[in-house]
Amino acid sequence: MPGTDDIAGFALHSELEAWSQAGIPNAEVLQMATLGTAQYLGVDQQSGSIARGKLADLLLVAGDPTRDISAIRKVRLVMKGGVVYFPEEIHRALGISPFAPAARPDSGASALALPSE
């Protein structure tokens, strides 16, 4: 199972990229890091995939990590426990250059409106 005792927002990304470089298809790497881990821990009925009734913890990234695993480093929005966080703001507060611009909800839209790249 993917995991780290280090800073998850940084070290876990490197681990997943290494698994991809070792020849594991990106889609499988992502599944192992999400649903696979939830299944291993016995919490897959509550988390690990996006489905009605499950906890809504997710990341929105710039790009398609199934094609380029490094897209997981370009997190634009995090939803954890029903609260939305913008990594760009956290990175700036820590003195780190953001990896991707935040994805801000459009005030009149029912879905997220992503800023152009």
PDB file of N, CA and C in Angstrom:
ATOM      1  N   MET A   1       0.837  -1.175   0.000  1.00  0.00           N
ATOM      2  CA  MET A   1       0.000   0.000   0.000  1.00  0.00           C
ATOM      3  C   MET A   1       0.884   1.241   0.000  1.00  0.00           C
ATOM      4  N   PRO A   2       0.524   2.210  -0.808  1.00  0.00           N
ATOM      5  CA  PRO A   2       1.264   3.473  -0.774  1.00  0.00           C
ATOM      6  C   PRO A   2       1.052   4.147   0.584  1.00  0.00           C
ATOM      7  N   GLY A   3       2.060   4.800   1.036  1.00  0.00           N
ATOM      8  CA  GLY A   3       1.944   5.531   2.293  1.00  0.00           C
ATOM      9  C   GLY A   3       3.278   6.119   2.685  1.00  0.00           C
ATOM     10  N   THR A   4       3.237   7.030   3.626  1.00  0.00           N
ATOM     11  CA  THR A   4       4.462   7.673   4.061  1.00  0.00           C
ATOM     12  C   THR A   4       4.331   8.140   5.492  1.00  0.00           C
ATOM     13  N   ASP A   5       5.446   8.210   6.176  1.00  0.00           N
ATOM     14  CA  ASP A   5       5.493   8.805   7.506  1.00  0.00           C
ATOM     15  C   ASP A   5       5.951  10.252   7.407  1.00  0.00           C
ATOM     16  N   ASP A   6       6.206  10.693   6.197  1.00  0.00           N
ATOM     17  CA  ASP A   6       6.671  12.055   5.956  1.00  0.00           C
ATOM     18  C   ASP A   6       5.467  12.925   5.589  1.00  0.00           C
ATOM     19  N   ILE A   7       5.706  14.095   5.062  1.00  0.00           N
ATOM     20  CA  ILE A   7       4.646  15.023   4.695  1.00  0.00           C
ATOM     21  C   ILE A   7       3.892  14.456   3.488  1.00  0.00           C
ATOM     22  N   ALA A   8       2.646  14.058   3.708  1.00  0.00           N
ATOM     23  CA  ALA A   8       1.870  13.367   2.665  1.00  0.00           C
ATOM     24  C   ALA A   8       1.761  14.177   1.380  1.00  0.00           C
ATOM     25  N   GLY A   9       1.615  15.484   1.463  1.00  0.00           N
ATOM     26  CA  GLY A   9       1.460  16.314   0.277  1.00  0.00           C
ATOM     27  C   GLY A   9       2.691  16.382  -0.599  1.00  0.00           C
ATOM     28  N   PHE A  10       3.805  15.878  -0.099  1.00  0.00           N
ATOM     29  CA  PHE A  10       5.039  15.929  -0.875  1.00  0.00           C
ATOM     30  C   PHE A  10       5.638  14.535  -1.065  1.00  0.00           C
ATOM     31  N   ALA A  11       5.877  13.826   0.009  1.00  0.00           N
ATOM     32  CA  ALA A  11       6.546  12.525  -0.069  1.00  0.00           C
ATOM     33  C   ALA A  11       5.680  11.465  -0.745  1.00  0.00           C
ATOM     34  N   LEU A  12       4.395  11.458  -0.484  1.00  0.00           N
ATOM     35  CA  LEU A  12       3.516  10.458  -1.102  1.00  0.00           C
ATOM     36  C   LEU A  12       3.517  10.607  -2.619  1.00  0.00           C
ATOM     37  N   HIS A  13       3.560  11.834  -3.097  1.00  0.00           N
ATOM     38  CA  HIS A  13       3.598  12.063  -4.544  1.00  0.00           C
ATOM     39  C   HIS A  13       4.818  11.385  -5.155  1.00  0.00           C
ATOM     40  N   SER A  14       5.958  11.526  -4.515  1.00  0.00           N
ATOM     41  CA  SER A  14       7.191  10.907  -5.018  1.00  0.00           C
ATOM     42  C   SER A  14       7.067   9.395  -5.042  1.00  0.00           C
ATOM     43  N   GLU A  15       6.448   8.841  -4.006  1.00  0.00           N
ATOM     44  CA  GLU A  15       6.283   7.388  -3.956  1.00  0.00           C
ATOM     45  C   GLU A  15       5.397   6.906  -5.105  1.00  0.00           C
ATOM     46  N   LEU A  16       4.296   7.589  -5.344  1.00  0.00           N
ATOM     47  CA  LEU A  16       3.399   7.179  -6.426  1.00  0.00           C
ATOM     48  C   LEU A  16       4.086   7.317  -7.785  1.00  0.00           C
ATOM     49  N   GLU A  17       4.878   8.372  -7.960  1.00  0.00           N
ATOM     50  CA  GLU A  17       5.633   8.530  -9.210  1.00  0.00           C
ATOM     51  C   GLU A  17       6.646   7.400  -9.377  1.00  0.00           C
ATOM     52  N   ALA A  18       7.280   6.987  -8.280  1.00  0.00           N
ATOM     53  CA  ALA A  18       8.250   5.887  -8.349  1.00  0.00           C
ATOM     54  C   ALA A  18       7.559   4.585  -8.741  1.00  0.00           C
ATOM     55  N   TRP A  19       6.368   4.346  -8.224  1.00  0.00           N
ATOM     56  CA  TRP A  19       5.629   3.135  -8.594  1.00  0.00           C
ATOM     57  C   TRP A  19       5.320   3.152 -10.091  1.00  0.00           C
ATOM     58  N   SER A  20       4.955   4.327 -10.605  1.00  0.00           N
ATOM     59  CA  SER A  20       4.677   4.468 -12.034  1.00  0.00           C
ATOM     60  C   SER A  20       5.947   4.217 -12.848  1.00  0.00           C
ATOM     61  N   GLN A  21       7.064   4.784 -12.409  1.00  0.00           N
ATOM     62  CA  GLN A  21       8.334   4.593 -13.102  1.00  0.00           C
ATOM     63  C   GLN A  21       8.787   3.140 -13.057  1.00  0.00           C
ATOM     64  N   ALA A  22       8.339   2.412 -12.048  1.00  0.00           N
ATOM     65  CA  ALA A  22       8.687   0.985 -11.934  1.00  0.00           C
ATOM     66  C   ALA A  22       7.856   0.126 -12.883  1.00  0.00           C
ATOM     67  N   GLY A  23       6.885   0.738 -13.572  1.00  0.00           N
ATOM     68  CA  GLY A  23       6.119   0.003 -14.570  1.00  0.00           C
ATOM     69  C   GLY A  23       4.672  -0.278 -14.209  1.00  0.00           C
ATOM     70  N   ILE A  24       4.229   0.133 -13.027  1.00  0.00           N
ATOM     71  CA  ILE A  24       2.823  -0.056 -12.667  1.00  0.00           C
ATOM     72  C   ILE A  24       2.020   1.013 -13.403  1.00  0.00           C
ATOM     73  N   PRO A  25       0.989   0.627 -14.156  1.00  0.00           N
ATOM     74  CA  PRO A  25       0.190   1.624 -14.875  1.00  0.00           C
ATOM     75  C   PRO A  25      -0.373   2.685 -13.922  1.00  0.00           C
ATOM     76  N   ASN A  26      -0.382   3.927 -14.382  1.00  0.00           N
ATOM     77  CA  ASN A  26      -0.825   5.041 -13.542  1.00  0.00           C
ATOM     78  C   ASN A  26      -2.200   4.823 -12.933  1.00  0.00           C
ATOM     79  N   ALA A  27      -3.143   4.311 -13.707  1.00  0.00           N
ATOM     80  CA  ALA A  27      -4.487   4.081 -13.178  1.00  0.00           C
ATOM     81  C   ALA A  27      -4.447   3.103 -11.999  1.00  0.00           C
ATOM     82  N   GLU A  28      -3.589   2.079 -12.081  1.00  0.00           N
ATOM     83  CA  GLU A  28      -3.453   1.122 -10.976  1.00  0.00           C
ATOM     84  C   GLU A  28      -2.799   1.769  -9.766  1.00  0.00           C
ATOM     85  N   VAL A  29      -1.807   2.614 -10.001  1.00  0.00           N
ATOM     86  CA  VAL A  29      -1.150   3.334  -8.901  1.00  0.00           C
ATOM     87  C   VAL A  29      -2.190   4.169  -8.155  1.00  0.00           C
ATOM     88  N   LEU A  30      -3.008   4.900  -8.890  1.00  0.00           N
ATOM     89  CA  LEU A  30      -4.035   5.744  -8.276  1.00  0.00           C
ATOM     90  C   LEU A  30      -5.065   4.903  -7.529  1.00  0.00           C
ATOM     91  N   GLN A  31      -5.440   3.776  -8.103  1.00  0.00           N
ATOM     92  CA  GLN A  31      -6.409   2.902  -7.438  1.00  0.00           C
ATOM     93  C   GLN A  31      -5.816   2.315  -6.154  1.00  0.00           C
ATOM     94  N   MET A  32      -4.541   1.944  -6.186  1.00  0.00           N
ATOM     95  CA  MET A  32      -3.902   1.408  -4.974  1.00  0.00           C
ATOM     96  C   MET A  32      -3.841   2.466  -3.877  1.00  0.00           C
ATOM     97  N   ALA A  33      -3.627   3.728  -4.269  1.00  0.00           N
ATOM     98  CA  ALA A  33      -3.507   4.809  -3.297  1.00  0.00           C
ATOM     99  C   ALA A  33      -4.852   5.260  -2.736  1.00  0.00           C
ATOM    100  N   THR A  34      -5.929   4.869  -3.367  1.00  0.00           N
ATOM    101  CA  THR A  34      -7.260   5.319  -2.938  1.00  0.00           C
ATOM    102  C   THR A  34      -8.096   4.122  -2.484  1.00  0.00           C
ATOM    103  N   LEU A  35      -8.779   3.484  -3.401  1.00  0.00           N
ATOM    104  CA  LEU A  35      -9.655   2.381  -3.050  1.00  0.00           C
ATOM    105  C   LEU A  35      -8.890   1.197  -2.459  1.00  0.00           C
ATOM    106  N   GLY A  36      -7.720   0.893  -3.018  1.00  0.00           N
ATOM    107  CA  GLY A  36      -6.940  -0.238  -2.510  1.00  0.00           C
ATOM    108  C   GLY A  36      -6.558  -0.073  -1.053  1.00  0.00           C
ATOM    109  N   THR A  37      -6.122   1.123  -0.691  1.00  0.00           N
ATOM    110  CA  THR A  37      -5.763   1.391   0.698  1.00  0.00           C
ATOM    111  C   THR A  37      -6.996   1.323   1.589  1.00  0.00           C
ATOM    112  N   ALA A  38      -8.112   1.878   1.137  1.00  0.00           N
ATOM    113  CA  ALA A  38      -9.353   1.826   1.919  1.00  0.00           C
ATOM    114  C   ALA A  38      -9.795   0.378   2.121  1.00  0.00           C
ATOM    115  N   GLN A  39      -9.666  -0.448   1.082  1.00  0.00           N
ATOM    116  CA  GLN A  39     -10.026  -1.860   1.216  1.00  0.00           C
ATOM    117  C   GLN A  39      -9.116  -2.557   2.219  1.00  0.00           C
ATOM    118  N   TYR A  40      -7.818  -2.301   2.138  1.00  0.00           N
ATOM    119  CA  TYR A  40      -6.857  -2.910   3.055  1.00  0.00           C
ATOM    120  C   TYR A  40      -7.178  -2.547   4.508  1.00  0.00           C
ATOM    121  N   LEU A  41      -7.568  -1.292   4.712  1.00  0.00           N
ATOM    122  CA  LEU A  41      -7.892  -0.825   6.062  1.00  0.00           C
ATOM    123  C   LEU A  41      -9.318  -1.169   6.490  1.00  0.00           C
ATOM    124  N   GLY A  42     -10.107  -1.729   5.572  1.00  0.00           N
ATOM    125  CA  GLY A  42     -11.483  -2.113   5.888  1.00  0.00           C
ATOM    126  C   GLY A  42     -12.452  -0.949   5.991  1.00  0.00           C
ATOM    127  N   VAL A  43     -12.126   0.156   5.332  1.00  0.00           N
ATOM    128  CA  VAL A  43     -13.001   1.329   5.370  1.00  0.00           C
ATOM    129  C   VAL A  43     -13.550   1.681   3.988  1.00  0.00           C
ATOM    130  N   ASP A  44     -13.503   0.729   3.061  1.00  0.00           N
ATOM    131  CA  ASP A  44     -13.918   1.009   1.686  1.00  0.00           C
ATOM    132  C   ASP A  44     -15.416   1.261   1.541  1.00  0.00           C
ATOM    133  N   GLN A  45     -16.209   0.960   2.564  1.00  0.00           N
ATOM    134  CA  GLN A  45     -17.632   1.294   2.494  1.00  0.00           C
ATOM    135  C   GLN A  45     -17.862   2.780   2.773  1.00  0.00           C
ATOM    136  N   GLN A  46     -16.863   3.431   3.411  1.00  0.00           N
ATOM    137  CA  GLN A  46     -16.983   4.855   3.736  1.00  0.00           C
ATOM    138  C   GLN A  46     -16.080   5.738   2.877  1.00  0.00           C
ATOM    139  N   SER A  47     -14.987   5.190   2.350  1.00  0.00           N
ATOM    140  CA  SER A  47     -14.027   6.025   1.627  1.00  0.00           C
ATOM    141  C   SER A  47     -13.292   5.210   0.568  1.00  0.00           C
ATOM    142  N   GLY A  48     -12.426   5.884  -0.169  1.00  0.00           N
ATOM    143  CA  GLY A  48     -11.613   5.202  -1.167  1.00  0.00           C
ATOM    144  C   GLY A  48     -12.078   5.401  -2.592  1.00  0.00           C
ATOM    145  N   SER A  49     -13.314   5.837  -2.764  1.00  0.00           N
ATOM    146  CA  SER A  49     -13.834   6.120  -4.096  1.00  0.00           C
ATOM    147  C   SER A  49     -14.938   7.171  -3.961  1.00  0.00           C
ATOM    148  N   ILE A  50     -15.276   7.780  -5.067  1.00  0.00           N
ATOM    149  CA  ILE A  50     -16.320   8.806  -5.066  1.00  0.00           C
ATOM    150  C   ILE A  50     -17.648   8.123  -5.376  1.00  0.00           C
ATOM    151  N   ALA A  51     -18.529   8.107  -4.382  1.00  0.00           N
ATOM    152  CA  ALA A  51     -19.837   7.486  -4.547  1.00  0.00           C
ATOM    153  C   ALA A  51     -20.802   8.076  -3.516  1.00  0.00           C
ATOM    154  N   ARG A  52     -22.066   8.049  -3.855  1.00  0.00           N
ATOM    155  CA  ARG A  52     -23.101   8.555  -2.950  1.00  0.00           C
ATOM    156  C   ARG A  52     -22.992   7.838  -1.599  1.00  0.00           C
ATOM    157  N   GLY A  53     -23.001   8.630  -0.537  1.00  0.00           N
ATOM    158  CA  GLY A  53     -22.961   8.079   0.810  1.00  0.00           C
ATOM    159  C   GLY A  53     -21.561   7.902   1.381  1.00  0.00           C
ATOM    160  N   LYS A  54     -20.539   8.090   0.560  1.00  0.00           N
ATOM    161  CA  LYS A  54     -19.165   7.982   1.059  1.00  0.00           C
ATOM    162  C   LYS A  54     -18.654   9.358   1.465  1.00  0.00           C
ATOM    163  N   LEU A  55     -17.607   9.360   2.296  1.00  0.00           N
ATOM    164  CA  LEU A  55     -16.987  10.610   2.702  1.00  0.00           C
ATOM    165  C   LEU A  55     -16.443  11.323   1.468  1.00  0.00           C
ATOM    166  N   ALA A  56     -16.646  12.622   1.411  1.00  0.00           N
ATOM    167  CA  ALA A  56     -16.268  13.390   0.223  1.00  0.00           C
ATOM    168  C   ALA A  56     -14.885  14.015   0.386  1.00  0.00           C
ATOM    169  N   ASP A  57     -13.880  13.182   0.580  1.00  0.00           N
ATOM    170  CA  ASP A  57     -12.505  13.668   0.622  1.00  0.00           C
ATOM    171  C   ASP A  57     -11.907  13.427  -0.755  1.00  0.00           C
ATOM    172  N   LEU A  58     -11.463  14.494  -1.410  1.00  0.00           N
ATOM    173  CA  LEU A  58     -10.926  14.345  -2.759  1.00  0.00           C
ATOM    174  C   LEU A  58      -9.966  15.468  -3.096  1.00  0.00           C
ATOM    175  N   LEU A  59      -9.206  15.246  -4.152  1.00  0.00           N
ATOM    176  CA  LEU A  59      -8.284  16.232  -4.704  1.00  0.00           C
ATOM    177  C   LEU A  59      -8.695  16.536  -6.133  1.00  0.00           C
ATOM    178  N   LEU A  60      -8.581  17.783  -6.521  1.00  0.00           N
ATOM    179  CA  LEU A  60      -8.764  18.177  -7.913  1.00  0.00           C
ATOM    180  C   LEU A  60      -7.398  18.606  -8.417  1.00  0.00           C
ATOM    181  N   VAL A  61      -6.914  17.964  -9.463  1.00  0.00           N
ATOM    182  CA  VAL A  61      -5.584  18.272  -9.987  1.00  0.00           C
ATOM    183  C   VAL A  61      -5.675  18.854 -11.390  1.00  0.00           C
ATOM    184  N   ALA A  62      -4.637  19.577 -11.759  1.00  0.00           N
ATOM    185  CA  ALA A  62      -4.520  20.107 -13.122  1.00  0.00           C
ATOM    186  C   ALA A  62      -3.875  19.018 -13.969  1.00  0.00           C
ATOM    187  N   GLY A  63      -4.597  18.494 -14.922  1.00  0.00           N
ATOM    188  CA  GLY A  63      -4.060  17.456 -15.789  1.00  0.00           C
ATOM    189  C   GLY A  63      -4.718  16.113 -15.548  1.00  0.00           C
ATOM    190  N   ASP A  64      -4.224  15.117 -16.250  1.00  0.00           N
ATOM    191  CA  ASP A  64      -4.770  13.763 -16.187  1.00  0.00           C
ATOM    192  C   ASP A  64      -3.696  12.824 -15.641  1.00  0.00           C
ATOM    193  N   PRO A  65      -3.765  12.475 -14.349  1.00  0.00           N
ATOM    194  CA  PRO A  65      -2.730  11.621 -13.776  1.00  0.00           C
ATOM    195  C   PRO A  65      -2.723  10.195 -14.323  1.00  0.00           C
ATOM    196  N   THR A  66      -3.764   9.791 -15.036  1.00  0.00           N
ATOM    197  CA  THR A  66      -3.708   8.463 -15.659  1.00  0.00           C
ATOM    198  C   THR A  66      -2.784   8.479 -16.870  1.00  0.00           C
ATOM    199  N   ARG A  67      -2.537   9.658 -17.423  1.00  0.00           N
ATOM    200  CA  ARG A  67      -1.603   9.804 -18.553  1.00  0.00           C
ATOM    201  C   ARG A  67      -0.226  10.269 -18.085  1.00  0.00           C
ATOM    202  N   ASP A  68      -0.216  11.178 -17.099  1.00  0.00           N
ATOM    203  CA  ASP A  68       1.036  11.726 -16.572  1.00  0.00           C
ATOM    204  C   ASP A  68       0.910  11.779 -15.055  1.00  0.00           C
ATOM    205  N   ILE A  69       1.532  10.819 -14.372  1.00  0.00           N
ATOM    206  CA  ILE A  69       1.375  10.701 -12.920  1.00  0.00           C
ATOM    207  C   ILE A  69       1.830  11.962 -12.190  1.00  0.00           C
ATOM    208  N   SER A  70       2.727  12.743 -12.780  1.00  0.00           N
ATOM    209  CA  SER A  70       3.200  13.957 -12.107  1.00  0.00           C
ATOM    210  C   SER A  70       2.099  15.006 -11.954  1.00  0.00           C
ATOM    211  N   ALA A  71       0.974  14.825 -12.621  1.00  0.00           N
ATOM    212  CA  ALA A  71      -0.163  15.741 -12.448  1.00  0.00           C
ATOM    213  C   ALA A  71      -0.652  15.742 -11.002  1.00  0.00           C
ATOM    214  N   ILE A  72      -0.364  14.681 -10.246  1.00  0.00           N
ATOM    215  CA  ILE A  72      -0.795  14.642  -8.843  1.00  0.00           C
ATOM    216  C   ILE A  72      -0.107  15.720  -8.010  1.00  0.00           C
ATOM    217  N   ARG A  73       0.954  16.294  -8.517  1.00  0.00           N
ATOM    218  CA  ARG A  73       1.650  17.370  -7.809  1.00  0.00           C
ATOM    219  C   ARG A  73       0.961  18.722  -8.013  1.00  0.00           C
ATOM    220  N   LYS A  74       0.053  18.802  -8.971  1.00  0.00           N
ATOM    221  CA  LYS A  74      -0.596  20.067  -9.318  1.00  0.00           C
ATOM    222  C   LYS A  74      -2.001  20.117  -8.720  1.00  0.00           C
ATOM    223  N   VAL A  75      -2.062  20.022  -7.403  1.00  0.00           N
ATOM    224  CA  VAL A  75      -3.347  20.012  -6.696  1.00  0.00           C
ATOM    225  C   VAL A  75      -3.911  21.419  -6.670  1.00  0.00           C
ATOM    226  N   ARG A  76      -5.142  21.548  -7.126  1.00  0.00           N
ATOM    227  CA  ARG A  76      -5.771  22.864  -7.224  1.00  0.00           C
ATOM    228  C   ARG A  76      -6.840  23.071  -6.167  1.00  0.00           C
ATOM    229  N   LEU A  77      -7.352  21.974  -5.622  1.00  0.00           N
ATOM    230  CA  LEU A  77      -8.407  22.065  -4.629  1.00  0.00           C
ATOM    231  C   LEU A  77      -8.411  20.766  -3.835  1.00  0.00           C
ATOM    232  N   VAL A  78      -8.641  20.877  -2.536  1.00  0.00           N
ATOM    233  CA  VAL A  78      -8.768  19.706  -1.670  1.00  0.00           C
ATOM    234  C   VAL A  78     -10.088  19.834  -0.937  1.00  0.00           C
ATOM    235  N   MET A  79     -10.860  18.738  -0.891  1.00  0.00           N
ATOM    236  CA  MET A  79     -12.062  18.703  -0.072  1.00  0.00           C
ATOM    237  C   MET A  79     -11.833  17.630   0.984  1.00  0.00           C
ATOM    238  N   LYS A  80     -11.890  18.039   2.243  1.00  0.00           N
ATOM    239  CA  LYS A  80     -11.666  17.126   3.352  1.00  0.00           C
ATOM    240  C   LYS A  80     -12.731  17.396   4.398  1.00  0.00           C
ATOM    241  N   GLY A  81     -13.511  16.387   4.712  1.00  0.00           N
ATOM    242  CA  GLY A  81     -14.550  16.549   5.725  1.00  0.00           C
ATOM    243  C   GLY A  81     -15.571  17.615   5.379  1.00  0.00           C
ATOM    244  N   GLY A  82     -15.835  17.790   4.092  1.00  0.00           N
ATOM    245  CA  GLY A  82     -16.814  18.773   3.649  1.00  0.00           C
ATOM    246  C   GLY A  82     -16.278  20.198   3.586  1.00  0.00           C
ATOM    247  N   VAL A  83     -15.001  20.396   3.898  1.00  0.00           N
ATOM    248  CA  VAL A  83     -14.385  21.719   3.852  1.00  0.00           C
ATOM    249  C   VAL A  83     -13.459  21.775   2.640  1.00  0.00           C
ATOM    250  N   VAL A  84     -13.523  22.895   1.909  1.00  0.00           N
ATOM    251  CA  VAL A  84     -12.677  23.081   0.726  1.00  0.00           C
ATOM    252  C   VAL A  84     -11.432  23.865   1.130  1.00  0.00           C
ATOM    253  N   TYR A  85     -10.283  23.361   0.703  1.00  0.00           N
ATOM    254  CA  TYR A  85      -9.001  24.020   0.942  1.00  0.00           C
ATOM    255  C   TYR A  85      -8.343  24.290  -0.408  1.00  0.00           C
ATOM    256  N   PHE A  86      -7.585  25.371  -0.466  1.00  0.00           N
ATOM    257  CA  PHE A  86      -6.854  25.716  -1.669  1.00  0.00           C
ATOM    258  C   PHE A  86      -5.361  25.605  -1.359  1.00  0.00           C
ATOM    259  N   PRO A  87      -4.700  24.564  -1.858  1.00  0.00           N
ATOM    260  CA  PRO A  87      -3.279  24.367  -1.579  1.00  0.00           C
ATOM    261  C   PRO A  87      -2.426  25.591  -1.900  1.00  0.00           C
ATOM    262  N   GLU A  88      -2.811  26.345  -2.920  1.00  0.00           N
ATOM    263  CA  GLU A  88      -2.071  27.553  -3.294  1.00  0.00           C
ATOM    264  C   GLU A  88      -1.932  28.477  -2.079  1.00  0.00           C
ATOM    265  N   GLU A  89      -3.007  28.640  -1.308  1.00  0.00           N
ATOM    266  CA  GLU A  89      -2.975  29.516  -0.130  1.00  0.00           C
ATOM    267  C   GLU A  89      -2.083  28.934   0.960  1.00  0.00           C
ATOM    268  N   ILE A  90      -2.157  27.638   1.160  1.00  0.00           N
ATOM    269  CA  ILE A  90      -1.336  26.975   2.178  1.00  0.00           C
ATOM    270  C   ILE A  90       0.132  27.066   1.797  1.00  0.00           C
ATOM    271  N   HIS A  91       0.439  26.797   0.525  1.00  0.00           N
ATOM    272  CA  HIS A  91       1.826  26.880   0.061  1.00  0.00           C
ATOM    273  C   HIS A  91       2.383  28.285   0.272  1.00  0.00           C
ATOM    274  N   ARG A  92       1.621  29.297  -0.117  1.00  0.00           N
ATOM    275  CA  ARG A  92       2.093  30.677   0.040  1.00  0.00           C
ATOM    276  C   ARG A  92       2.342  30.993   1.520  1.00  0.00           C
ATOM    277  N   ALA A  93       1.448  30.542   2.412  1.00  0.00           N
ATOM    278  CA  ALA A  93       1.618  30.791   3.849  1.00  0.00           C
ATOM    279  C   ALA A  93       2.886  30.124   4.384  1.00  0.00           C
ATOM    280  N   LEU A  94       3.283  29.011   3.772  1.00  0.00           N
ATOM    281  CA  LEU A  94       4.493  28.298   4.187  1.00  0.00           C
ATOM    282  C   LEU A  94       5.740  28.790   3.454  1.00  0.00           C
ATOM    283  N   GLY A  95       5.557  29.758   2.535  1.00  0.00           N
ATOM    284  CA  GLY A  95       6.692  30.275   1.782  1.00  0.00           C
ATOM    285  C   GLY A  95       7.106  29.381   0.630  1.00  0.00           C
ATOM    286  N   ILE A  96       6.176  28.544   0.164  1.00  0.00           N
ATOM    287  CA  ILE A  96       6.439  27.629  -0.945  1.00  0.00           C
ATOM    288  C   ILE A  96       5.719  28.157  -2.180  1.00  0.00           C
ATOM    289  N   SER A  97       6.400  28.128  -3.323  1.00  0.00           N
ATOM    290  CA  SER A  97       5.741  28.517  -4.569  1.00  0.00           C
ATOM    291  C   SER A  97       4.665  27.499  -4.911  1.00  0.00           C
ATOM    292  N   PRO A  98       3.426  27.931  -5.147  1.00  0.00           N
ATOM    293  CA  PRO A  98       2.354  26.987  -5.497  1.00  0.00           C
ATOM    294  C   PRO A  98       2.696  26.197  -6.756  1.00  0.00           C
ATOM    295  N   PHE A  99       2.257  24.950  -6.780  1.00  0.00           N
ATOM    296  CA  PHE A  99       2.494  24.066  -7.920  1.00  0.00           C
ATOM    297  C   PHE A  99       1.442  24.268  -9.003  1.00  0.00           C
ATOM    298  N   ALA A 100       0.275  24.785  -8.628  1.00  0.00           N
ATOM    299  CA  ALA A 100      -0.815  25.024  -9.579  1.00  0.00           C
ATOM    300  C   ALA A 100      -1.728  26.084  -8.977  1.00  0.00           C
ATOM    301  N   PRO A 101      -2.397  26.871  -9.829  1.00  0.00           N
ATOM    302  CA  PRO A 101      -3.340  27.859  -9.304  1.00  0.00           C
ATOM    303  C   PRO A 101      -4.561  27.170  -8.704  1.00  0.00           C
ATOM    304  N   ALA A 102      -5.164  27.824  -7.724  1.00  0.00           N
ATOM    305  CA  ALA A 102      -6.353  27.270  -7.084  1.00  0.00           C
ATOM    306  C   ALA A 102      -7.506  27.195  -8.074  1.00  0.00           C
ATOM    307  N   ALA A 103      -8.361  26.214  -7.886  1.00  0.00           N
ATOM    308  CA  ALA A 103      -9.598  26.101  -8.658  1.00  0.00           C
ATOM    309  C   ALA A 103     -10.688  26.745  -7.815  1.00  0.00           C
ATOM    310  N   ARG A 104     -11.159  27.869  -8.213  1.00  0.00           N
ATOM    311  CA  ARG A 104     -12.146  28.624  -7.440  1.00  0.00           C
ATOM    312  C   ARG A 104     -13.539  28.412  -8.019  1.00  0.00           C
ATOM    313  N   PRO A 105     -14.510  28.150  -7.142  1.00  0.00           N
ATOM    314  CA  PRO A 105     -15.884  28.021  -7.638  1.00  0.00           C
ATOM    315  C   PRO A 105     -16.352  29.346  -8.240  1.00  0.00           C
ATOM    316  N   ASP A 106     -17.029  29.274  -9.348  1.00  0.00           N
ATOM    317  CA  ASP A 106     -17.634  30.439  -9.977  1.00  0.00           C
ATOM    318  C   ASP A 106     -18.883  30.761  -9.167  1.00  0.00           C
ATOM    319  N   SER A 107     -19.061  32.010  -8.777  1.00  0.00           N
ATOM    320  CA  SER A 107     -20.145  32.382  -7.864  1.00  0.00           C
ATOM    321  C   SER A 107     -21.533  31.992  -8.376  1.00  0.00           C
ATOM    322  N   GLY A 108     -21.755  31.962  -9.679  1.00  0.00           N
ATOM    323  CA  GLY A 108     -23.077  31.634 -10.192  1.00  0.00           C
ATOM    324  C   GLY A 108     -23.203  30.223 -10.727  1.00  0.00           C
ATOM    325  N   ALA A 109     -22.121  29.472 -10.736  1.00  0.00           N
ATOM    326  CA  ALA A 109     -22.136  28.140 -11.349  1.00  0.00           C
ATOM    327  C   ALA A 109     -22.444  27.068 -10.322  1.00  0.00           C
ATOM    328  N   SER A 110     -22.987  25.979 -10.791  1.00  0.00           N
ATOM    329  CA  SER A 110     -23.251  24.842  -9.895  1.00  0.00           C
ATOM    330  C   SER A 110     -22.052  23.914  -9.824  1.00  0.00           C
ATOM    331  N   ALA A 111     -21.083  24.102 -10.702  1.00  0.00           N
ATOM    332  CA  ALA A 111     -19.855  23.287 -10.711  1.00  0.00           C
ATOM    333  C   ALA A 111     -18.671  24.233 -10.612  1.00  0.00           C
ATOM    334  N   LEU A 112     -17.509  23.656 -10.385  1.00  0.00           N
ATOM    335  CA  LEU A 112     -16.310  24.477 -10.290  1.00  0.00           C
ATOM    336  C   LEU A 112     -15.922  25.032 -11.656  1.00  0.00           C
ATOM    337  N   ALA A 113     -15.567  26.290 -11.695  1.00  0.00           N
ATOM    338  CA  ALA A 113     -15.050  26.909 -12.906  1.00  0.00           C
ATOM    339  C   ALA A 113     -13.547  27.015 -12.733  1.00  0.00           C
ATOM    340  N   LEU A 114     -12.796  26.334 -13.548  1.00  0.00           N
ATOM    341  CA  LEU A 114     -11.350  26.317 -13.428  1.00  0.00           C
ATOM    342  C   LEU A 114     -10.729  27.460 -14.203  1.00  0.00           C
ATOM    343  N   PRO A 115      -9.767  28.176 -13.580  1.00  0.00           N
ATOM    344  CA  PRO A 115      -9.084  29.227 -14.325  1.00  0.00           C
ATOM    345  C   PRO A 115      -8.295  28.634 -15.478  1.00  0.00           C
ATOM    346  N   SER A 116      -8.141  29.395 -16.536  1.00  0.00           N
ATOM    347  CA  SER A 116      -7.387  28.862 -17.679  1.00  0.00           C
ATOM    348  C   SER A 116      -5.929  28.723 -17.292  1.00  0.00           C
ATOM    349  N   GLU A 117      -5.258  27.731 -17.894  1.00  0.00           N
ATOM    350  CA  GLU A 117      -3.858  27.429 -17.579  1.00  0.00           C
ATOM    351  C   GLU A 117      -2.946  28.448 -18.211  1.00  0.00           C
TER     352      GLU A 117
END
